Amino acid sequence: MPNPIQRIRNLYLDTVAELKKCTWPTWSELWESTLIVIISSIMLSIFVFVADAAVRAVVRFLT
C-alpha cells in the first residue's frame, strides 16, 4: 500500500498540472457572465412569483 503522504503529494501535483492547462476568463468575461447570471436569476424569480400568484388565485377561485 502506498504511503498516504505520497498519495496526497501526487494528488496535489496532478491538480496543479491540470490547473495549468485551464484557460481562465478575463475580468470583462467574468463580469459579463456574472451579470448574465444575476439577470437570469431575477427573471426566474419574477416568473416564479407571477406563476405562484396565478395558481394561488385559481385555487382561491375554485375553493
PDB file of N, CA and C in Angstrom:
ATOM      1  N   MET A   1       0.860  -1.179   0.000  1.00  0.00           N
ATOM      2  CA  MET A   1       0.000   0.000   0.000  1.00  0.00           C
ATOM      3  C   MET A   1       0.901   1.236   0.000  1.00  0.00           C
ATOM      4  N   PRO A   2       0.601   2.200  -0.912  1.00  0.00           N
ATOM      5  CA  PRO A   2       1.446   3.395  -0.991  1.00  0.00           C
ATOM      6  C   PRO A   2       1.326   4.265   0.260  1.00  0.00           C
ATOM      7  N   ASN A   3       2.360   4.998   0.489  1.00  0.00           N
ATOM      8  CA  ASN A   3       2.421   5.925   1.609  1.00  0.00           C
ATOM      9  C   ASN A   3       1.316   6.987   1.441  1.00  0.00           C
ATOM     10  N   PRO A   4       0.489   7.238   2.463  1.00  0.00           N
ATOM     11  CA  PRO A   4      -0.591   8.233   2.342  1.00  0.00           C
ATOM     12  C   PRO A   4      -0.060   9.636   2.036  1.00  0.00           C
ATOM     13  N   ILE A   5       1.082   9.981   2.592  1.00  0.00           N
ATOM     14  CA  ILE A   5       1.666  11.299   2.333  1.00  0.00           C
ATOM     15  C   ILE A   5       2.048  11.409   0.852  1.00  0.00           C
ATOM     16  N   GLN A   6       2.600  10.334   0.298  1.00  0.00           N
ATOM     17  CA  GLN A   6       2.974  10.323  -1.117  1.00  0.00           C
ATOM     18  C   GLN A   6       1.729  10.446  -2.001  1.00  0.00           C
ATOM     19  N   ARG A   7       0.643   9.795  -1.608  1.00  0.00           N
ATOM     20  CA  ARG A   7      -0.597   9.872  -2.383  1.00  0.00           C
ATOM     21  C   ARG A   7      -1.147  11.298  -2.372  1.00  0.00           C
ATOM     22  N   ILE A   8      -1.086  11.955  -1.231  1.00  0.00           N
ATOM     23  CA  ILE A   8      -1.553  13.341  -1.134  1.00  0.00           C
ATOM     24  C   ILE A   8      -0.673  14.245  -1.989  1.00  0.00           C
ATOM     25  N   ARG A   9       0.629  14.022  -1.946  1.00  0.00           N
ATOM     26  CA  ARG A   9       1.568  14.825  -2.751  1.00  0.00           C
ATOM     27  C   ARG A   9       1.292  14.636  -4.237  1.00  0.00           C
ATOM     28  N   ASN A  10       1.062  13.394  -4.642  1.00  0.00           N
ATOM     29  CA  ASN A  10       0.750  13.123  -6.048  1.00  0.00           C
ATOM     30  C   ASN A  10      -0.557  13.783  -6.473  1.00  0.00           C
ATOM     31  N   LEU A  11      -1.540  13.732  -5.607  1.00  0.00           N
ATOM     32  CA  LEU A  11      -2.818  14.384  -5.898  1.00  0.00           C
ATOM     33  C   LEU A  11      -2.620  15.888  -6.075  1.00  0.00           C
ATOM     34  N   TYR A  12      -1.837  16.473  -5.195  1.00  0.00           N
ATOM     35  CA  TYR A  12      -1.556  17.909  -5.283  1.00  0.00           C
ATOM     36  C   TYR A  12      -0.846  18.250  -6.587  1.00  0.00           C
ATOM     37  N   LEU A  13       0.177  17.499  -6.923  1.00  0.00           N
ATOM     38  CA  LEU A  13       0.938  17.762  -8.146  1.00  0.00           C
ATOM     39  C   LEU A  13       0.078  17.573  -9.394  1.00  0.00           C
ATOM     40  N   ASP A  14      -0.769  16.551  -9.390  1.00  0.00           N
ATOM     41  CA  ASP A  14      -1.675  16.338 -10.527  1.00  0.00           C
ATOM     42  C   ASP A  14      -2.678  17.476 -10.655  1.00  0.00           C
ATOM     43  N   THR A  15      -3.167  17.953  -9.526  1.00  0.00           N
ATOM     44  CA  THR A  15      -4.114  19.060  -9.542  1.00  0.00           C
ATOM     45  C   THR A  15      -3.463  20.323 -10.089  1.00  0.00           C
ATOM     46  N   VAL A  16      -2.263  20.618  -9.652  1.00  0.00           N
ATOM     47  CA  VAL A  16      -1.540  21.798 -10.142  1.00  0.00           C
ATOM     48  C   VAL A  16      -1.305  21.681 -11.648  1.00  0.00           C
ATOM     49  N   ALA A  17      -0.941  20.505 -12.115  1.00  0.00           N
ATOM     50  CA  ALA A  17      -0.694  20.299 -13.546  1.00  0.00           C
ATOM     51  C   ALA A  17      -1.967  20.513 -14.351  1.00  0.00           C
ATOM     52  N   GLU A  18      -3.096  20.028 -13.855  1.00  0.00           N
ATOM     53  CA  GLU A  18      -4.365  20.209 -14.563  1.00  0.00           C
ATOM     54  C   GLU A  18      -4.802  21.669 -14.569  1.00  0.00           C
ATOM     55  N   LEU A  19      -4.590  22.369 -13.453  1.00  0.00           N
ATOM     56  CA  LEU A  19      -4.980  23.778 -13.391  1.00  0.00           C
ATOM     57  C   LEU A  19      -4.151  24.642 -14.333  1.00  0.00           C
ATOM     58  N   LYS A  20      -2.922  24.238 -14.614  1.00  0.00           N
ATOM     59  CA  LYS A  20      -2.091  24.989 -15.564  1.00  0.00           C
ATOM     60  C   LYS A  20      -2.610  24.854 -16.983  1.00  0.00           C
ATOM     61  N   LYS A  21      -3.364  23.786 -17.268  1.00  0.00           N
ATOM     62  CA  LYS A  21      -3.936  23.580 -18.599  1.00  0.00           C
ATOM     63  C   LYS A  21      -5.196  24.421 -18.819  1.00  0.00           C
ATOM     64  N   CYS A  22      -5.788  24.914 -17.742  1.00  0.00           N
ATOM     65  CA  CYS A  22      -7.045  25.657 -17.842  1.00  0.00           C
ATOM     66  C   CYS A  22      -6.826  27.029 -18.465  1.00  0.00           C
ATOM     67  N   THR A  23      -7.850  27.489 -19.147  1.00  0.00           N
ATOM     68  CA  THR A  23      -7.845  28.878 -19.615  1.00  0.00           C
ATOM     69  C   THR A  23      -8.806  29.644 -18.723  1.00  0.00           C
ATOM     70  N   TRP A  24      -8.314  30.662 -18.088  1.00  0.00           N
ATOM     71  CA  TRP A  24      -9.113  31.421 -17.149  1.00  0.00           C
ATOM     72  C   TRP A  24      -9.734  32.617 -17.857  1.00  0.00           C
ATOM     73  N   PRO A  25     -10.966  32.991 -17.478  1.00  0.00           N
ATOM     74  CA  PRO A  25     -11.616  34.122 -18.146  1.00  0.00           C
ATOM     75  C   PRO A  25     -10.950  35.444 -17.764  1.00  0.00           C
ATOM     76  N   THR A  26     -11.079  36.403 -18.675  1.00  0.00           N
ATOM     77  CA  THR A  26     -10.599  37.745 -18.364  1.00  0.00           C
ATOM     78  C   THR A  26     -11.603  38.396 -17.421  1.00  0.00           C
ATOM     79  N   TRP A  27     -11.218  39.547 -16.856  1.00  0.00           N
ATOM     80  CA  TRP A  27     -12.126  40.220 -15.935  1.00  0.00           C
ATOM     81  C   TRP A  27     -13.409  40.663 -16.633  1.00  0.00           C
ATOM     82  N   SER A  28     -13.308  41.096 -17.894  1.00  0.00           N
ATOM     83  CA  SER A  28     -14.512  41.518 -18.605  1.00  0.00           C
ATOM     84  C   SER A  28     -15.423  40.323 -18.888  1.00  0.00           C
ATOM     85  N   GLU A  29     -14.853  39.176 -19.248  1.00  0.00           N
ATOM     86  CA  GLU A  29     -15.660  37.973 -19.463  1.00  0.00           C
ATOM     87  C   GLU A  29     -16.326  37.523 -18.166  1.00  0.00           C
ATOM     88  N   LEU A  30     -15.580  37.605 -17.085  1.00  0.00           N
ATOM     89  CA  LEU A  30     -16.127  37.226 -15.785  1.00  0.00           C
ATOM     90  C   LEU A  30     -17.265  38.147 -15.380  1.00  0.00           C
ATOM     91  N   TRP A  31     -17.105  39.448 -15.602  1.00  0.00           N
ATOM     92  CA  TRP A  31     -18.133  40.422 -15.257  1.00  0.00           C
ATOM     93  C   TRP A  31     -19.394  40.183 -16.105  1.00  0.00           C
ATOM     94  N   GLU A  32     -19.226  39.943 -17.409  1.00  0.00           N
ATOM     95  CA  GLU A  32     -20.372  39.695 -18.281  1.00  0.00           C
ATOM     96  C   GLU A  32     -21.117  38.433 -17.852  1.00  0.00           C
ATOM     97  N   SER A  33     -20.390  37.384 -17.536  1.00  0.00           N
ATOM     98  CA  SER A  33     -21.030  36.136 -17.098  1.00  0.00           C
ATOM     99  C   SER A  33     -21.766  36.332 -15.783  1.00  0.00           C
ATOM    100  N   THR A  34     -21.169  37.080 -14.867  1.00  0.00           N
ATOM    101  CA  THR A  34     -21.811  37.345 -13.586  1.00  0.00           C
ATOM    102  C   THR A  34     -23.093  38.138 -13.785  1.00  0.00           C
ATOM    103  N   LEU A  35     -23.046  39.115 -14.654  1.00  0.00           N
ATOM    104  CA  LEU A  35     -24.224  39.932 -14.934  1.00  0.00           C
ATOM    105  C   LEU A  35     -25.340  39.089 -15.544  1.00  0.00           C
ATOM    106  N   ILE A  36     -24.992  38.189 -16.446  1.00  0.00           N
ATOM    107  CA  ILE A  36     -25.992  37.307 -17.048  1.00  0.00           C
ATOM    108  C   ILE A  36     -26.638  36.421 -15.989  1.00  0.00           C
ATOM    109  N   VAL A  37     -25.857  35.894 -15.076  1.00  0.00           N
ATOM    110  CA  VAL A  37     -26.398  35.036 -14.017  1.00  0.00           C
ATOM    111  C   VAL A  37     -27.326  35.836 -13.112  1.00  0.00           C
ATOM    112  N   ILE A  38     -26.948  37.050 -12.757  1.00  0.00           N
ATOM    113  CA  ILE A  38     -27.784  37.881 -11.884  1.00  0.00           C
ATOM    114  C   ILE A  38     -29.103  38.222 -12.574  1.00  0.00           C
ATOM    115  N   ILE A  39     -29.039  38.643 -13.836  1.00  0.00           N
ATOM    116  CA  ILE A  39     -30.255  38.998 -14.564  1.00  0.00           C
ATOM    117  C   ILE A  39     -31.149  37.775 -14.750  1.00  0.00           C
ATOM    118  N   SER A  40     -30.569  36.637 -15.064  1.00  0.00           N
ATOM    119  CA  SER A  40     -31.351  35.409 -15.227  1.00  0.00           C
ATOM    120  C   SER A  40     -32.027  35.012 -13.919  1.00  0.00           C
ATOM    121  N   SER A  41     -31.322  35.157 -12.810  1.00  0.00           N
ATOM    122  CA  SER A  41     -31.895  34.823 -11.504  1.00  0.00           C
ATOM    123  C   SER A  41     -33.065  35.737 -11.172  1.00  0.00           C
ATOM    124  N   ILE A  42     -32.935  37.012 -11.473  1.00  0.00           N
ATOM    125  CA  ILE A  42     -34.026  37.958 -11.223  1.00  0.00           C
ATOM    126  C   ILE A  42     -35.232  37.616 -12.094  1.00  0.00           C
ATOM    127  N   MET A  43     -34.991  37.329 -13.372  1.00  0.00           N
ATOM    128  CA  MET A  43     -36.092  36.979 -14.269  1.00  0.00           C
ATOM    129  C   MET A  43     -36.794  35.701 -13.814  1.00  0.00           C
ATOM    130  N   LEU A  44     -36.032  34.713 -13.389  1.00  0.00           N
ATOM    131  CA  LEU A  44     -36.624  33.468 -12.914  1.00  0.00           C
ATOM    132  C   LEU A  44     -37.441  33.698 -11.649  1.00  0.00           C
ATOM    133  N   SER A  45     -36.940  34.518 -10.735  1.00  0.00           N
ATOM    134  CA  SER A  45     -37.685  34.776  -9.503  1.00  0.00           C
ATOM    135  C   SER A  45     -38.981  35.531  -9.802  1.00  0.00           C
ATOM    136  N   ILE A  46     -38.960  36.449 -10.758  1.00  0.00           N
ATOM    137  CA  ILE A  46     -40.196  37.152 -11.144  1.00  0.00           C
ATOM    138  C   ILE A  46     -41.187  36.168 -11.752  1.00  0.00           C
ATOM    139  N   PHE A  47     -40.712  35.289 -12.622  1.00  0.00           N
ATOM    140  CA  PHE A  47     -41.595  34.287 -13.226  1.00  0.00           C
ATOM    141  C   PHE A  47     -42.234  33.393 -12.161  1.00  0.00           C
ATOM    142  N   VAL A  48     -41.437  32.918 -11.227  1.00  0.00           N
ATOM    143  CA  VAL A  48     -41.959  32.045 -10.165  1.00  0.00           C
ATOM    144  C   VAL A  48     -42.972  32.802  -9.312  1.00  0.00           C
ATOM    145  N   PHE A  49     -42.703  34.066  -9.005  1.00  0.00           N
ATOM    146  CA  PHE A  49     -43.632  34.872  -8.224  1.00  0.00           C
ATOM    147  C   PHE A  49     -44.972  35.021  -8.952  1.00  0.00           C
ATOM    148  N   VAL A  50     -44.923  35.342 -10.249  1.00  0.00           N
ATOM    149  CA  VAL A  50     -46.150  35.516 -11.024  1.00  0.00           C
ATOM    150  C   VAL A  50     -46.902  34.184 -11.149  1.00  0.00           C
ATOM    151  N   ALA A  51     -46.201  33.096 -11.430  1.00  0.00           N
ATOM    152  CA  ALA A  51     -46.847  31.794 -11.535  1.00  0.00           C
ATOM    153  C   ALA A  51     -47.478  31.385 -10.212  1.00  0.00           C
ATOM    154  N   ASP A  52     -46.801  31.632  -9.106  1.00  0.00           N
ATOM    155  CA  ASP A  52     -47.337  31.310  -7.786  1.00  0.00           C
ATOM    156  C   ASP A  52     -48.596  32.119  -7.500  1.00  0.00           C
ATOM    157  N   ALA A  53     -48.566  33.408  -7.828  1.00  0.00           N
ATOM    158  CA  ALA A  53     -49.738  34.251  -7.613  1.00  0.00           C
ATOM    159  C   ALA A  53     -50.901  33.796  -8.482  1.00  0.00           C
ATOM    160  N   ALA A  54     -50.644  33.406  -9.709  1.00  0.00           N
ATOM    161  CA  ALA A  54     -51.703  32.937 -10.604  1.00  0.00           C
ATOM    162  C   ALA A  54     -52.320  31.641 -10.096  1.00  0.00           C
ATOM    163  N   VAL A  55     -51.489  30.693  -9.691  1.00  0.00           N
ATOM    164  CA  VAL A  55     -52.004  29.424  -9.171  1.00  0.00           C
ATOM    165  C   VAL A  55     -52.786  29.657  -7.888  1.00  0.00           C
ATOM    166  N   ARG A  56     -52.280  30.544  -7.025  1.00  0.00           N
ATOM    167  CA  ARG A  56     -52.983  30.860  -5.783  1.00  0.00           C
ATOM    168  C   ARG A  56     -54.359  31.454  -6.084  1.00  0.00           C
ATOM    169  N   ALA A  57     -54.452  32.343  -7.076  1.00  0.00           N
ATOM    170  CA  ALA A  57     -55.713  32.968  -7.434  1.00  0.00           C
ATOM    171  C   ALA A  57     -56.690  31.927  -7.995  1.00  0.00           C
ATOM    172  N   VAL A  58     -56.201  31.017  -8.813  1.00  0.00           N
ATOM    173  CA  VAL A  58     -57.062  29.968  -9.369  1.00  0.00           C
ATOM    174  C   VAL A  58     -57.570  29.046  -8.264  1.00  0.00           C
ATOM    175  N   VAL A  59     -56.726  28.667  -7.344  1.00  0.00           N
ATOM    176  CA  VAL A  59     -57.141  27.787  -6.249  1.00  0.00           C
ATOM    177  C   VAL A  59     -58.166  28.505  -5.356  1.00  0.00           C
ATOM    178  N   ARG A  60     -57.953  29.771  -5.060  1.00  0.00           N
ATOM    179  CA  ARG A  60     -58.921  30.521  -4.246  1.00  0.00           C
ATOM    180  C   ARG A  60     -60.267  30.639  -4.973  1.00  0.00           C
ATOM    181  N   PHE A  61     -60.213  30.826  -6.286  1.00  0.00           N
ATOM    182  CA  PHE A  61     -61.444  30.929  -7.064  1.00  0.00           C
ATOM    183  C   PHE A  61     -62.213  29.606  -7.053  1.00  0.00           C
ATOM    184  N   LEU A  62     -61.503  28.493  -7.138  1.00  0.00           N
ATOM    185  CA  LEU A  62     -62.136  27.186  -7.195  1.00  0.00           C
ATOM    186  C   LEU A  62     -62.610  26.678  -5.828  1.00  0.00           C
ATOM    187  N   THR A  63     -62.024  27.190  -4.751  1.00  0.00           N
ATOM    188  CA  THR A  63     -62.406  26.677  -3.425  1.00  0.00           C
ATOM    189  C   THR A  63     -63.245  27.619  -2.664  1.00  0.00           C
TER     190      THR A  63
END
